[in-house]
Amino acid sequence: MGRTGRLPCRLICEADLSEAGRHLNQTSKIAVNTLKQIYLTLVQLAKQVGSLPQAITNAIQRRKLQIVRNEREAERLDRIRNPSKYLGK
């Protein structure tokens, strides 16, 4: 029998396995990166949820200060517009 130009089975199997291994390795890298991104997103979400009470407290304090500033500014402008109203004070 002569040569038919075919590769021995041993070479074909090794080539298929190495190609499958590369594909599996690439797939696992993608999966690991996806899981890593999900994990980092959840960590960031947990940090934001943890800081939410402090953020609400800060917003309330800023709003109270703004109300006081607005009242003082309104009185200042009223004193400028109506000086006779504040002669004794």
Protein backbone atom coordinates (compact mmCIF):
# COMPACT_ATOMS: atom_id res chain seq x y z
CA MET A 1 0.00 0.00 0.00
CA GLY A 2 1.24 3.47 -0.81
CA ARG A 3 0.97 6.77 0.90
CA THR A 4 -2.38 8.49 0.61
CA GLY A 5 -1.33 11.90 1.88
CA ARG A 6 -3.24 11.46 5.10
CA LEU A 7 -1.88 12.42 8.50
CA PRO A 8 -1.53 9.77 11.13
CA CYS A 9 -4.34 9.76 13.67
CA ARG A 10 -1.89 10.75 16.42
CA LEU A 11 -1.17 14.13 14.75
CA ILE A 12 -4.82 14.85 14.03
CA CYS A 13 -5.84 14.18 17.63
CA GLU A 14 -3.07 16.38 19.03
CA ALA A 15 -3.99 19.24 16.71
CA ASP A 16 -7.67 19.00 17.64
CA LEU A 17 -6.89 18.94 21.36
CA SER A 18 -4.58 21.92 21.23
CA GLU A 19 -7.16 23.92 19.26
CA ALA A 20 -9.91 22.91 21.69
CA GLY A 21 -7.63 23.81 24.59
CA ARG A 22 -7.05 27.29 23.19
CA HIS A 23 -10.77 27.82 22.73
CA LEU A 24 -11.49 26.57 26.26
CA ASN A 25 -8.73 28.80 27.66
CA GLN A 26 -10.12 31.83 25.83
CA THR A 27 -13.65 31.03 27.01
CA SER A 28 -12.51 30.64 30.60
CA LYS A 29 -10.67 33.99 30.46
CA ILE A 30 -13.83 35.69 29.22
CA ALA A 31 -15.87 34.01 31.95
CA VAL A 32 -13.38 35.04 34.65
CA ASN A 33 -13.34 38.64 33.40
CA THR A 34 -17.15 38.72 33.34
CA LEU A 35 -17.36 37.37 36.89
CA LYS A 36 -14.72 39.86 37.99
CA GLN A 37 -16.74 42.76 36.55
CA ILE A 38 -19.90 41.48 38.24
CA TYR A 39 -18.05 41.20 41.55
CA LEU A 40 -16.59 44.72 41.27
CA THR A 41 -20.01 46.11 40.38
CA LEU A 42 -21.57 44.46 43.42
CA VAL A 43 -18.80 45.78 45.67
CA GLN A 44 -19.36 49.30 44.32
CA LEU A 45 -23.11 48.94 44.86
CA ALA A 46 -22.54 47.80 48.46
CA LYS A 47 -20.30 50.82 49.09
CA GLN A 48 -22.94 53.18 47.72
CA VAL A 49 -25.70 51.56 49.77
CA GLY A 50 -23.50 51.83 52.86
CA SER A 51 -22.86 55.52 52.28
CA LEU A 52 -26.51 56.33 51.54
CA PRO A 53 -27.52 57.24 55.15
CA GLN A 54 -24.60 59.64 55.45
CA ALA A 55 -25.43 61.19 52.08
CA ILE A 56 -29.03 61.73 53.16
CA THR A 57 -27.89 63.30 56.44
CA ASN A 58 -25.52 65.62 54.59
CA ALA A 59 -28.25 66.66 52.16
CA ILE A 60 -30.64 67.48 55.01
CA GLN A 61 -27.97 69.55 56.78
CA ARG A 62 -27.13 71.44 53.58
CA ARG A 63 -30.82 72.16 53.03
CA LYS A 64 -31.22 73.50 56.58
CA LEU A 65 -28.21 75.77 56.13
CA GLN A 66 -29.58 76.99 52.81
CA ILE A 67 -32.90 77.86 54.46
CA VAL A 68 -31.08 79.89 57.14
CA ARG A 69 -29.00 81.67 54.48
CA ASN A 70 -32.11 82.48 52.46
CA GLU A 71 -33.86 83.93 55.52
CA ARG A 72 -30.84 86.09 56.38
CA GLU A 73 -30.56 87.28 52.80
CA ALA A 74 -34.28 88.12 52.72
CA GLU A 75 -33.92 90.16 55.91
CA ARG A 76 -30.82 91.92 54.55
CA LEU A 77 -32.64 92.87 51.36
CA ASP A 78 -35.67 93.99 53.37
CA ARG A 79 -33.44 96.23 55.49
CA ILE A 80 -32.01 97.77 52.31
CA ARG A 81 -35.47 98.29 50.76
CA ASN A 82 -37.24 99.45 53.94
CA PRO A 83 -34.70 101.12 56.26
CA SER A 84 -37.44 102.96 58.20
CA LYS A 85 -38.83 99.61 59.34
CA TYR A 86 -35.56 98.83 61.15
CA LEU A 87 -34.69 102.21 62.70
CA GLY A 88 -34.84 101.02 66.30
CA LYS A 89 -32.99 97.74 65.82
